[in-house]
Amino acid sequence: MKKFFSILLAATVLAAPMAQAQSRHDDRPGNRTMERSVTTKKVIIKKHRWDRGQRLSAAERRHVIDRRDYRRHSLREPGRGQRWVRVDNQYLLINVANGIIIGLSGAR
């Protein structure tokens, strides 16, 4: 009898942690709720409004249209010392010497 109770006591002591360690099956995919949030960022690109008499910087004057290519863009022939430049999807007729805008034309 004493041997029986000692075996029963040992089995109870060994079985108790295993009973507590059992999972409750909460990790099933059907029981989980996932929330997804999408964050959108609004990007605003400010474009410069060009007018006659303004000066273009040297960096903006580098976008020169080929001398023979102005007809392809439906632009008039530039005069002596003038050049067509494309900036911000606009064609600007500038003076080569100082970069002052002489004329404007929208891109087509």
PDB file of N, CA and C in Angstrom:
ATOM      1  N   MET A   1       0.814  -1.177   0.000  1.00  0.00           N
ATOM      2  CA  MET A   1       0.000   0.000   0.000  1.00  0.00           C
ATOM      3  C   MET A   1       0.872   1.261   0.000  1.00  0.00           C
ATOM      4  N   LYS A   2       1.895   1.214   0.809  1.00  0.00           N
ATOM      5  CA  LYS A   2       2.794   2.354   0.875  1.00  0.00           C
ATOM      6  C   LYS A   2       3.480   2.564  -0.473  1.00  0.00           C
ATOM      7  N   LYS A   3       3.799   1.460  -1.123  1.00  0.00           N
ATOM      8  CA  LYS A   3       4.431   1.533  -2.444  1.00  0.00           C
ATOM      9  C   LYS A   3       3.455   2.108  -3.468  1.00  0.00           C
ATOM     10  N   PHE A   4       2.197   1.730  -3.388  1.00  0.00           N
ATOM     11  CA  PHE A   4       1.181   2.208  -4.302  1.00  0.00           C
ATOM     12  C   PHE A   4       0.987   3.727  -4.179  1.00  0.00           C
ATOM     13  N   PHE A   5       0.893   4.223  -2.943  1.00  0.00           N
ATOM     14  CA  PHE A   5       0.736   5.665  -2.739  1.00  0.00           C
ATOM     15  C   PHE A   5       1.946   6.466  -3.183  1.00  0.00           C
ATOM     16  N   SER A   6       3.128   5.890  -3.016  1.00  0.00           N
ATOM     17  CA  SER A   6       4.330   6.603  -3.461  1.00  0.00           C
ATOM     18  C   SER A   6       4.379   6.681  -4.982  1.00  0.00           C
ATOM     19  N   ILE A   7       3.940   5.631  -5.679  1.00  0.00           N
ATOM     20  CA  ILE A   7       3.874   5.647  -7.140  1.00  0.00           C
ATOM     21  C   ILE A   7       2.794   6.630  -7.599  1.00  0.00           C
ATOM     22  N   LEU A   8       1.652   6.625  -6.938  1.00  0.00           N
ATOM     23  CA  LEU A   8       0.572   7.548  -7.274  1.00  0.00           C
ATOM     24  C   LEU A   8       0.985   8.999  -7.035  1.00  0.00           C
ATOM     25  N   LEU A   9       1.688   9.246  -5.956  1.00  0.00           N
ATOM     26  CA  LEU A   9       2.175  10.584  -5.654  1.00  0.00           C
ATOM     27  C   LEU A   9       3.208  11.037  -6.687  1.00  0.00           C
ATOM     28  N   ALA A  10       4.100  10.147  -7.092  1.00  0.00           N
ATOM     29  CA  ALA A  10       5.100  10.480  -8.109  1.00  0.00           C
ATOM     30  C   ALA A  10       4.434  10.773  -9.447  1.00  0.00           C
ATOM     31  N   ALA A  11       3.426  10.005  -9.821  1.00  0.00           N
ATOM     32  CA  ALA A  11       2.707  10.224 -11.078  1.00  0.00           C
ATOM     33  C   ALA A  11       1.962  11.553 -11.047  1.00  0.00           C
ATOM     34  N   THR A  12       1.397  11.919  -9.921  1.00  0.00           N
ATOM     35  CA  THR A  12       0.685  13.187  -9.787  1.00  0.00           C
ATOM     36  C   THR A  12       1.652  14.357  -9.898  1.00  0.00           C
ATOM     37  N   VAL A  13       2.803  14.213  -9.262  1.00  0.00           N
ATOM     38  CA  VAL A  13       3.803  15.284  -9.319  1.00  0.00           C
ATOM     39  C   VAL A  13       4.324  15.449 -10.740  1.00  0.00           C
ATOM     40  N   LEU A  14       4.529  14.362 -11.465  1.00  0.00           N
ATOM     41  CA  LEU A  14       5.027  14.436 -12.847  1.00  0.00           C
ATOM     42  C   LEU A  14       3.944  14.884 -13.826  1.00  0.00           C
ATOM     43  N   ALA A  15       2.704  14.559 -13.584  1.00  0.00           N
ATOM     44  CA  ALA A  15       1.623  14.888 -14.514  1.00  0.00           C
ATOM     45  C   ALA A  15       1.122  16.326 -14.358  1.00  0.00           C
ATOM     46  N   ALA A  16       1.301  16.911 -13.207  1.00  0.00           N
ATOM     47  CA  ALA A  16       0.795  18.254 -12.965  1.00  0.00           C
ATOM     48  C   ALA A  16       1.415  19.285 -13.899  1.00  0.00           C
ATOM     49  N   PRO A  17       2.739  19.371 -14.089  1.00  0.00           N
ATOM     50  CA  PRO A  17       3.282  20.360 -15.028  1.00  0.00           C
ATOM     51  C   PRO A  17       2.863  20.118 -16.476  1.00  0.00           C
ATOM     52  N   MET A  18       2.694  18.862 -16.844  1.00  0.00           N
ATOM     53  CA  MET A  18       2.274  18.586 -18.218  1.00  0.00           C
ATOM     54  C   MET A  18       0.838  19.029 -18.443  1.00  0.00           C
ATOM     55  N   ALA A  19       0.014  18.953 -17.458  1.00  0.00           N
ATOM     56  CA  ALA A  19      -1.379  19.400 -17.593  1.00  0.00           C
ATOM     57  C   ALA A  19      -1.440  20.915 -17.721  1.00  0.00           C
ATOM     58  N   GLN A  20      -0.577  21.626 -17.058  1.00  0.00           N
ATOM     59  CA  GLN A  20      -0.556  23.066 -17.148  1.00  0.00           C
ATOM     60  C   GLN A  20       0.067  23.539 -18.454  1.00  0.00           C
ATOM     61  N   ALA A  21       0.951  22.761 -19.047  1.00  0.00           N
ATOM     62  CA  ALA A  21       1.659  23.170 -20.255  1.00  0.00           C
ATOM     63  C   ALA A  21       0.857  22.937 -21.524  1.00  0.00           C
ATOM     64  N   GLN A  22      -0.306  22.339 -21.405  1.00  0.00           N
ATOM     65  CA  GLN A  22      -1.095  22.086 -22.602  1.00  0.00           C
ATOM     66  C   GLN A  22      -1.575  23.406 -23.202  1.00  0.00           C
ATOM     67  N   SER A  23      -1.494  23.467 -24.516  1.00  0.00           N
ATOM     68  CA  SER A  23      -1.971  24.677 -25.179  1.00  0.00           C
ATOM     69  C   SER A  23      -3.496  24.646 -25.263  1.00  0.00           C
ATOM     70  N   ARG A  24      -4.069  25.829 -25.375  1.00  0.00           N
ATOM     71  CA  ARG A  24      -5.524  25.931 -25.461  1.00  0.00           C
ATOM     72  C   ARG A  24      -5.968  26.057 -26.913  1.00  0.00           C
ATOM     73  N   HIS A  25      -5.066  25.851 -27.822  1.00  0.00           N
ATOM     74  CA  HIS A  25      -5.347  25.912 -29.258  1.00  0.00           C
ATOM     75  C   HIS A  25      -5.815  27.292 -29.692  1.00  0.00           C
ATOM     76  N   ASP A  26      -5.290  28.338 -29.042  1.00  0.00           N
ATOM     77  CA  ASP A  26      -5.624  29.709 -29.438  1.00  0.00           C
ATOM     78  C   ASP A  26      -4.768  30.201 -30.594  1.00  0.00           C
ATOM     79  N   ASP A  27      -3.772  29.415 -30.977  1.00  0.00           N
ATOM     80  CA  ASP A  27      -2.869  29.865 -32.033  1.00  0.00           C
ATOM     81  C   ASP A  27      -3.331  29.441 -33.420  1.00  0.00           C
ATOM     82  N   ARG A  28      -4.548  29.071 -33.550  1.00  0.00           N
ATOM     83  CA  ARG A  28      -5.070  28.709 -34.863  1.00  0.00           C
ATOM     84  C   ARG A  28      -5.272  29.976 -35.691  1.00  0.00           C
ATOM     85  N   PRO A  29      -5.086  29.887 -37.014  1.00  0.00           N
ATOM     86  CA  PRO A  29      -5.223  31.083 -37.856  1.00  0.00           C
ATOM     87  C   PRO A  29      -6.627  31.671 -37.862  1.00  0.00           C
ATOM     88  N   GLY A  30      -7.645  30.877 -37.629  1.00  0.00           N
ATOM     89  CA  GLY A  30      -9.013  31.372 -37.658  1.00  0.00           C
ATOM     90  C   GLY A  30      -9.343  32.258 -36.464  1.00  0.00           C
ATOM     91  N   ASN A  31      -8.630  32.086 -35.365  1.00  0.00           N
ATOM     92  CA  ASN A  31      -8.946  32.850 -34.155  1.00  0.00           C
ATOM     93  C   ASN A  31      -8.210  34.182 -34.097  1.00  0.00           C
ATOM     94  N   ARG A  32      -7.207  34.371 -34.911  1.00  0.00           N
ATOM     95  CA  ARG A  32      -6.429  35.612 -34.868  1.00  0.00           C
ATOM     96  C   ARG A  32      -7.066  36.677 -35.742  1.00  0.00           C
ATOM     97  N   THR A  33      -7.009  37.880 -35.275  1.00  0.00           N
ATOM     98  CA  THR A  33      -7.460  39.006 -36.086  1.00  0.00           C
ATOM     99  C   THR A  33      -6.252  39.871 -36.385  1.00  0.00           C
ATOM    100  N   MET A  34      -6.046  40.149 -37.648  1.00  0.00           N
ATOM    101  CA  MET A  34      -4.933  40.981 -38.063  1.00  0.00           C
ATOM    102  C   MET A  34      -5.477  42.298 -38.587  1.00  0.00           C
ATOM    103  N   GLU A  35      -4.882  43.370 -38.135  1.00  0.00           N
ATOM    104  CA  GLU A  35      -5.264  44.681 -38.617  1.00  0.00           C
ATOM    105  C   GLU A  35      -4.117  45.241 -39.437  1.00  0.00           C
ATOM    106  N   ARG A  36      -4.430  45.668 -40.613  1.00  0.00           N
ATOM    107  CA  ARG A  36      -3.422  46.273 -41.478  1.00  0.00           C
ATOM    108  C   ARG A  36      -3.815  47.718 -41.706  1.00  0.00           C
ATOM    109  N   SER A  37      -2.848  48.571 -41.554  1.00  0.00           N
ATOM    110  CA  SER A  37      -3.118  49.983 -41.805  1.00  0.00           C
ATOM    111  C   SER A  37      -2.175  50.469 -42.889  1.00  0.00           C
ATOM    112  N   VAL A  38      -2.725  51.249 -43.791  1.00  0.00           N
ATOM    113  CA  VAL A  38      -1.964  51.792 -44.899  1.00  0.00           C
ATOM    114  C   VAL A  38      -1.837  53.295 -44.687  1.00  0.00           C
ATOM    115  N   THR A  39      -0.604  53.743 -44.695  1.00  0.00           N
ATOM    116  CA  THR A  39      -0.355  55.164 -44.526  1.00  0.00           C
ATOM    117  C   THR A  39       0.068  55.737 -45.867  1.00  0.00           C
ATOM    118  N   THR A  40      -0.643  56.728 -46.325  1.00  0.00           N
ATOM    119  CA  THR A  40      -0.293  57.360 -47.588  1.00  0.00           C
ATOM    120  C   THR A  40       0.304  58.730 -47.306  1.00  0.00           C
ATOM    121  N   LYS A  41       1.304  59.053 -48.073  1.00  0.00           N
ATOM    122  CA  LYS A  41       1.986  60.327 -47.905  1.00  0.00           C
ATOM    123  C   LYS A  41       1.764  61.150 -49.162  1.00  0.00           C
ATOM    124  N   LYS A  42       1.270  62.336 -48.978  1.00  0.00           N
ATOM    125  CA  LYS A  42       0.985  63.205 -50.106  1.00  0.00           C
ATOM    126  C   LYS A  42       2.242  63.999 -50.440  1.00  0.00           C
ATOM    127  N   VAL A  43       2.684  63.877 -51.682  1.00  0.00           N
ATOM    128  CA  VAL A  43       3.886  64.571 -52.124  1.00  0.00           C
ATOM    129  C   VAL A  43       3.468  65.692 -53.057  1.00  0.00           C
ATOM    130  N   ILE A  44       3.888  66.888 -52.739  1.00  0.00           N
ATOM    131  CA  ILE A  44       3.574  68.053 -53.559  1.00  0.00           C
ATOM    132  C   ILE A  44       4.865  68.557 -54.179  1.00  0.00           C
ATOM    133  N   ILE A  45       4.882  68.610 -55.498  1.00  0.00           N
ATOM    134  CA  ILE A  45       6.042  69.116 -56.216  1.00  0.00           C
ATOM    135  C   ILE A  45       5.704  70.510 -56.713  1.00  0.00           C
ATOM    136  N   LYS A  46       6.439  71.459 -56.208  1.00  0.00           N
ATOM    137  CA  LYS A  46       6.185  72.841 -56.614  1.00  0.00           C
ATOM    138  C   LYS A  46       6.995  73.150 -57.859  1.00  0.00           C
ATOM    139  N   LYS A  47       6.314  73.630 -58.877  1.00  0.00           N
ATOM    140  CA  LYS A  47       6.983  74.018 -60.108  1.00  0.00           C
ATOM    141  C   LYS A  47       7.054  75.533 -60.181  1.00  0.00           C
ATOM    142  N   HIS A  48       8.147  75.975 -60.710  1.00  0.00           N
ATOM    143  CA  HIS A  48       8.368  77.407 -60.799  1.00  0.00           C
ATOM    144  C   HIS A  48       7.595  77.978 -61.990  1.00  0.00           C
ATOM    145  N   ARG A  49       7.001  79.122 -61.807  1.00  0.00           N
ATOM    146  CA  ARG A  49       6.301  79.784 -62.907  1.00  0.00           C
ATOM    147  C   ARG A  49       7.274  80.776 -63.534  1.00  0.00           C
ATOM    148  N   TRP A  50       7.584  80.531 -64.780  1.00  0.00           N
ATOM    149  CA  TRP A  50       8.548  81.377 -65.482  1.00  0.00           C
ATOM    150  C   TRP A  50       7.840  82.530 -66.194  1.00  0.00           C
ATOM    151  N   ASP A  51       8.457  83.683 -66.178  1.00  0.00           N
ATOM    152  CA  ASP A  51       7.950  84.866 -66.875  1.00  0.00           C
ATOM    153  C   ASP A  51       9.091  85.520 -67.642  1.00  0.00           C
ATOM    154  N   ARG A  52       8.710  86.353 -68.589  1.00  0.00           N
ATOM    155  CA  ARG A  52       9.734  87.084 -69.343  1.00  0.00           C
ATOM    156  C   ARG A  52      10.501  88.022 -68.415  1.00  0.00           C
ATOM    157  N   GLY A  53      11.793  88.128 -68.687  1.00  0.00           N
ATOM    158  CA  GLY A  53      12.629  89.008 -67.891  1.00  0.00           C
ATOM    159  C   GLY A  53      13.306  88.325 -66.723  1.00  0.00           C
ATOM    160  N   GLN A  54      12.863  87.126 -66.365  1.00  0.00           N
ATOM    161  CA  GLN A  54      13.535  86.397 -65.293  1.00  0.00           C
ATOM    162  C   GLN A  54      14.825  85.780 -65.811  1.00  0.00           C
ATOM    163  N   ARG A  55      15.726  85.450 -64.873  1.00  0.00           N
ATOM    164  CA  ARG A  55      17.014  84.899 -65.256  1.00  0.00           C
ATOM    165  C   ARG A  55      17.076  83.416 -64.893  1.00  0.00           C
ATOM    166  N   LEU A  56      17.582  82.596 -65.817  1.00  0.00           N
ATOM    167  CA  LEU A  56      17.788  81.178 -65.572  1.00  0.00           C
ATOM    168  C   LEU A  56      19.188  80.962 -65.009  1.00  0.00           C
ATOM    169  N   SER A  57      19.302  80.032 -64.065  1.00  0.00           N
ATOM    170  CA  SER A  57      20.622  79.721 -63.531  1.00  0.00           C
ATOM    171  C   SER A  57      21.393  78.884 -64.556  1.00  0.00           C
ATOM    172  N   ALA A  58      22.690  78.755 -64.326  1.00  0.00           N
ATOM    173  CA  ALA A  58      23.534  77.992 -65.251  1.00  0.00           C
ATOM    174  C   ALA A  58      23.116  76.523 -65.287  1.00  0.00           C
ATOM    175  N   ALA A  59      22.653  75.987 -64.167  1.00  0.00           N
ATOM    176  CA  ALA A  59      22.225  74.584 -64.129  1.00  0.00           C
ATOM    177  C   ALA A  59      20.980  74.365 -64.986  1.00  0.00           C
ATOM    178  N   GLU A  60      20.071  75.325 -64.995  1.00  0.00           N
ATOM    179  CA  GLU A  60      18.849  75.189 -65.787  1.00  0.00           C
ATOM    180  C   GLU A  60      19.102  75.462 -67.265  1.00  0.00           C
ATOM    181  N   ARG A  61      20.138  76.180 -67.571  1.00  0.00           N
ATOM    182  CA  ARG A  61      20.451  76.469 -68.978  1.00  0.00           C
ATOM    183  C   ARG A  61      21.084  75.275 -69.687  1.00  0.00           C
ATOM    184  N   ARG A  62      21.425  74.229 -68.959  1.00  0.00           N
ATOM    185  CA  ARG A  62      22.085  73.065 -69.571  1.00  0.00           C
ATOM    186  C   ARG A  62      21.138  72.203 -70.388  1.00  0.00           C
ATOM    187  N   HIS A  63      19.839  72.342 -70.195  1.00  0.00           N
ATOM    188  CA  HIS A  63      18.863  71.524 -70.916  1.00  0.00           C
ATOM    189  C   HIS A  63      18.539  72.163 -72.267  1.00  0.00           C
ATOM    190  N   VAL A  64      19.526  72.245 -73.105  1.00  0.00           N
ATOM    191  CA  VAL A  64      19.407  72.942 -74.380  1.00  0.00           C
ATOM    192  C   VAL A  64      18.835  72.006 -75.431  1.00  0.00           C
ATOM    193  N   ILE A  65      17.942  72.516 -76.258  1.00  0.00           N
ATOM    194  CA  ILE A  65      17.406  71.774 -77.395  1.00  0.00           C
ATOM    195  C   ILE A  65      18.389  71.940 -78.542  1.00  0.00           C
ATOM    196  N   ASP A  66      18.564  70.874 -79.315  1.00  0.00           N
ATOM    197  CA  ASP A  66      19.477  70.930 -80.461  1.00  0.00           C
ATOM    198  C   ASP A  66      19.057  72.054 -81.409  1.00  0.00           C
ATOM    199  N   ARG A  67      20.019  72.698 -81.991  1.00  0.00           N
ATOM    200  CA  ARG A  67      19.753  73.876 -82.836  1.00  0.00           C
ATOM    201  C   ARG A  67      18.798  73.555 -83.995  1.00  0.00           C
ATOM    202  N   ARG A  68      18.895  72.358 -84.537  1.00  0.00           N
ATOM    203  CA  ARG A  68      18.032  71.999 -85.668  1.00  0.00           C
ATOM    204  C   ARG A  68      16.738  71.337 -85.202  1.00  0.00           C
ATOM    205  N   ASP A  69      16.603  71.077 -83.917  1.00  0.00           N
ATOM    206  CA  ASP A  69      15.481  70.305 -83.393  1.00  0.00           C
ATOM    207  C   ASP A  69      14.294  71.167 -82.963  1.00  0.00           C
ATOM    208  N   TYR A  70      14.387  72.462 -83.015  1.00  0.00           N
ATOM    209  CA  TYR A  70      13.306  73.323 -82.523  1.00  0.00           C
ATOM    210  C   TYR A  70      12.056  73.188 -83.379  1.00  0.00           C
ATOM    211  N   ARG A  71      12.196  72.862 -84.659  1.00  0.00           N
ATOM    212  CA  ARG A  71      11.008  72.700 -85.528  1.00  0.00           C
ATOM    213  C   ARG A  71      10.199  71.470 -85.105  1.00  0.00           C
ATOM    214  N   ARG A  72      10.894  70.463 -84.631  1.00  0.00           N
ATOM    215  CA  ARG A  72      10.228  69.240 -84.191  1.00  0.00           C
ATOM    216  C   ARG A  72       9.284  69.520 -83.018  1.00  0.00           C
ATOM    217  N   HIS A  73       9.608  70.494 -82.212  1.00  0.00           N
ATOM    218  CA  HIS A  73       8.794  70.870 -81.060  1.00  0.00           C
ATOM    219  C   HIS A  73       7.847  72.028 -81.375  1.00  0.00           C
ATOM    220  N   SER A  74       7.693  72.371 -82.642  1.00  0.00           N
ATOM    221  CA  SER A  74       6.823  73.455 -83.115  1.00  0.00           C
ATOM    222  C   SER A  74       7.204  74.792 -82.505  1.00  0.00           C
ATOM    223  N   LEU A  75       8.490  75.073 -82.472  1.00  0.00           N
ATOM    224  CA  LEU A  75       8.989  76.340 -81.942  1.00  0.00           C
ATOM    225  C   LEU A  75       9.543  77.163 -83.089  1.00  0.00           C
ATOM    226  N   ARG A  76       9.518  78.472 -82.926  1.00  0.00           N
ATOM    227  CA  ARG A  76      10.056  79.339 -83.986  1.00  0.00           C
ATOM    228  C   ARG A  76      11.581  79.330 -83.911  1.00  0.00           C
ATOM    229  N   GLU A  77      12.190  79.734 -84.986  1.00  0.00           N
ATOM    230  CA  GLU A  77      13.653  79.741 -85.047  1.00  0.00           C
ATOM    231  C   GLU A  77      14.217  80.805 -84.098  1.00  0.00           C
ATOM    232  N   PRO A  78      15.182  80.413 -83.255  1.00  0.00           N
ATOM    233  CA  PRO A  78      15.753  81.413 -82.341  1.00  0.00           C
ATOM    234  C   PRO A  78      16.636  82.393 -83.098  1.00  0.00           C
ATOM    235  N   GLY A  79      16.639  83.626 -82.634  1.00  0.00           N
ATOM    236  CA  GLY A  79      17.471  84.648 -83.265  1.00  0.00           C
ATOM    237  C   GLY A  79      18.940  84.475 -82.876  1.00  0.00           C
ATOM    238  N   ARG A  80      19.744  85.429 -83.339  1.00  0.00           N
ATOM    239  CA  ARG A  80      21.166  85.376 -83.050  1.00  0.00           C
ATOM    240  C   ARG A  80      21.381  85.634 -81.545  1.00  0.00           C
ATOM    241  N   GLY A  81      22.155  84.770 -80.897  1.00  0.00           N
ATOM    242  CA  GLY A  81      22.403  84.906 -79.464  1.00  0.00           C
ATOM    243  C   GLY A  81      21.265  84.406 -78.593  1.00  0.00           C
ATOM    244  N   GLN A  82      20.340  83.653 -79.192  1.00  0.00           N
ATOM    245  CA  GLN A  82      19.211  83.100 -78.439  1.00  0.00           C
ATOM    246  C   GLN A  82      19.227  81.585 -78.549  1.00  0.00           C
ATOM    247  N   ARG A  83      18.560  80.944 -77.589  1.00  0.00           N
ATOM    248  CA  ARG A  83      18.555  79.485 -77.546  1.00  0.00           C
ATOM    249  C   ARG A  83      17.284  79.019 -76.849  1.00  0.00           C
ATOM    250  N   TRP A  84      16.714  77.894 -77.325  1.00  0.00           N
ATOM    251  CA  TRP A  84      15.557  77.288 -76.664  1.00  0.00           C
ATOM    252  C   TRP A  84      16.048  76.326 -75.588  1.00  0.00           C
ATOM    253  N   VAL A  85      15.431  76.395 -74.417  1.00  0.00           N
ATOM    254  CA  VAL A  85      15.769  75.527 -73.291  1.00  0.00           C
ATOM    255  C   VAL A  85      14.475  74.929 -72.760  1.00  0.00           C
ATOM    256  N   ARG A  86      14.518  73.631 -72.395  1.00  0.00           N
ATOM    257  CA  ARG A  86      13.324  72.993 -71.826  1.00  0.00           C
ATOM    258  C   ARG A  86      13.519  72.873 -70.314  1.00  0.00           C
ATOM    259  N   VAL A  87      12.619  73.526 -69.555  1.00  0.00           N
ATOM    260  CA  VAL A  87      12.662  73.503 -68.100  1.00  0.00           C
ATOM    261  C   VAL A  87      11.236  73.280 -67.588  1.00  0.00           C
ATOM    262  N   ASP A  88      11.052  72.279 -66.704  1.00  0.00           N
ATOM    263  CA  ASP A  88       9.730  71.985 -66.118  1.00  0.00           C
ATOM    264  C   ASP A  88       8.649  71.813 -67.177  1.00  0.00           C
ATOM    265  N   ASN A  89       8.948  71.115 -68.243  1.00  0.00           N
ATOM    266  CA  ASN A  89       8.007  70.836 -69.327  1.00  0.00           C
ATOM    267  C   ASN A  89       7.532  72.112 -70.027  1.00  0.00           C
ATOM    268  N   GLN A  90       8.363  73.130 -70.015  1.00  0.00           N
ATOM    269  CA  GLN A  90       8.114  74.362 -70.754  1.00  0.00           C
ATOM    270  C   GLN A  90       9.355  74.667 -71.581  1.00  0.00           C
ATOM    271  N   TYR A  91       9.127  75.282 -72.741  1.00  0.00           N
ATOM    272  CA  TYR A  91      10.241  75.718 -73.572  1.00  0.00           C
ATOM    273  C   TYR A  91      10.439  77.211 -73.362  1.00  0.00           C
ATOM    274  N   LEU A  92      11.660  77.584 -73.025  1.00  0.00           N
ATOM    275  CA  LEU A  92      11.972  78.986 -72.770  1.00  0.00           C
ATOM    276  C   LEU A  92      13.006  79.449 -73.781  1.00  0.00           C
ATOM    277  N   LEU A  93      12.751  80.589 -74.404  1.00  0.00           N
ATOM    278  CA  LEU A  93      13.715  81.209 -75.311  1.00  0.00           C
ATOM    279  C   LEU A  93      14.549  82.161 -74.472  1.00  0.00           C
ATOM    280  N   ILE A  94      15.849  81.864 -74.367  1.00  0.00           N
ATOM    281  CA  ILE A  94      16.702  82.659 -73.490  1.00  0.00           C
ATOM    282  C   ILE A  94      17.812  83.328 -74.276  1.00  0.00           C
ATOM    283  N   ASN A  95      18.346  84.353 -73.690  1.00  0.00           N
ATOM    284  CA  ASN A  95      19.521  85.025 -74.226  1.00  0.00           C
ATOM    285  C   ASN A  95      20.737  84.219 -73.765  1.00  0.00           C
ATOM    286  N   VAL A  96      21.633  83.868 -74.678  1.00  0.00           N
ATOM    287  CA  VAL A  96      22.768  83.015 -74.350  1.00  0.00           C
ATOM    288  C   VAL A  96      23.738  83.716 -73.409  1.00  0.00           C
ATOM    289  N   ALA A  97      23.933  85.002 -73.579  1.00  0.00           N
ATOM    290  CA  ALA A  97      24.939  85.722 -72.813  1.00  0.00           C
ATOM    291  C   ALA A  97      24.600  85.818 -71.328  1.00  0.00           C
ATOM    292  N   ASN A  98      23.367  86.164 -70.994  1.00  0.00           N
ATOM    293  CA  ASN A  98      23.048  86.397 -69.588  1.00  0.00           C
ATOM    294  C   ASN A  98      21.945  85.500 -69.020  1.00  0.00           C
ATOM    295  N   GLY A  99      21.261  84.698 -69.836  1.00  0.00           N
ATOM    296  CA  GLY A  99      20.252  83.761 -69.350  1.00  0.00           C
ATOM    297  C   GLY A  99      18.902  84.373 -69.066  1.00  0.00           C
ATOM    298  N   ILE A 100      18.624  85.570 -69.569  1.00  0.00           N
ATOM    299  CA  ILE A 100      17.321  86.205 -69.361  1.00  0.00           C
ATOM    300  C   ILE A 100      16.307  85.614 -70.333  1.00  0.00           C
ATOM    301  N   ILE A 101      15.104  85.358 -69.828  1.00  0.00           N
ATOM    302  CA  ILE A 101      14.047  84.753 -70.645  1.00  0.00           C
ATOM    303  C   ILE A 101      13.460  85.801 -71.577  1.00  0.00           C
ATOM    304  N   ILE A 102      13.434  85.442 -72.873  1.00  0.00           N
ATOM    305  CA  ILE A 102      12.888  86.334 -73.889  1.00  0.00           C
ATOM    306  C   ILE A 102      11.474  85.906 -74.279  1.00  0.00           C
ATOM    307  N   GLY A 103      11.250  84.590 -74.362  1.00  0.00           N
ATOM    308  CA  GLY A 103       9.938  84.087 -74.775  1.00  0.00           C
ATOM    309  C   GLY A 103       9.625  82.762 -74.093  1.00  0.00           C
ATOM    310  N   LEU A 104       8.337  82.393 -74.099  1.00  0.00           N
ATOM    311  CA  LEU A 104       7.856  81.161 -73.468  1.00  0.00           C
ATOM    312  C   LEU A 104       6.994  80.390 -74.447  1.00  0.00           C
ATOM    313  N   SER A 105       6.991  79.049 -74.273  1.00  0.00           N
ATOM    314  CA  SER A 105       6.104  78.209 -75.054  1.00  0.00           C
ATOM    315  C   SER A 105       5.848  76.936 -74.256  1.00  0.00           C
ATOM    316  N   GLY A 106       4.607  76.483 -74.236  1.00  0.00           N
ATOM    317  CA  GLY A 106       4.260  75.260 -73.522  1.00  0.00           C
ATOM    318  C   GLY A 106       4.655  74.033 -74.320  1.00  0.00           C
ATOM    319  N   ALA A 107       4.964  72.951 -73.631  1.00  0.00           N
ATOM    320  CA  ALA A 107       5.341  71.702 -74.300  1.00  0.00           C
ATOM    321  C   ALA A 107       4.116  71.071 -74.931  1.00  0.00           C
ATOM    322  N   ARG A 108       4.302  70.496 -76.108  1.00  0.00           N
ATOM    323  CA  ARG A 108       3.197  69.853 -76.823  1.00  0.00           C
ATOM    324  C   ARG A 108       3.494  68.398 -76.990  1.00  0.00           C
TER     325      ARG A 108
END
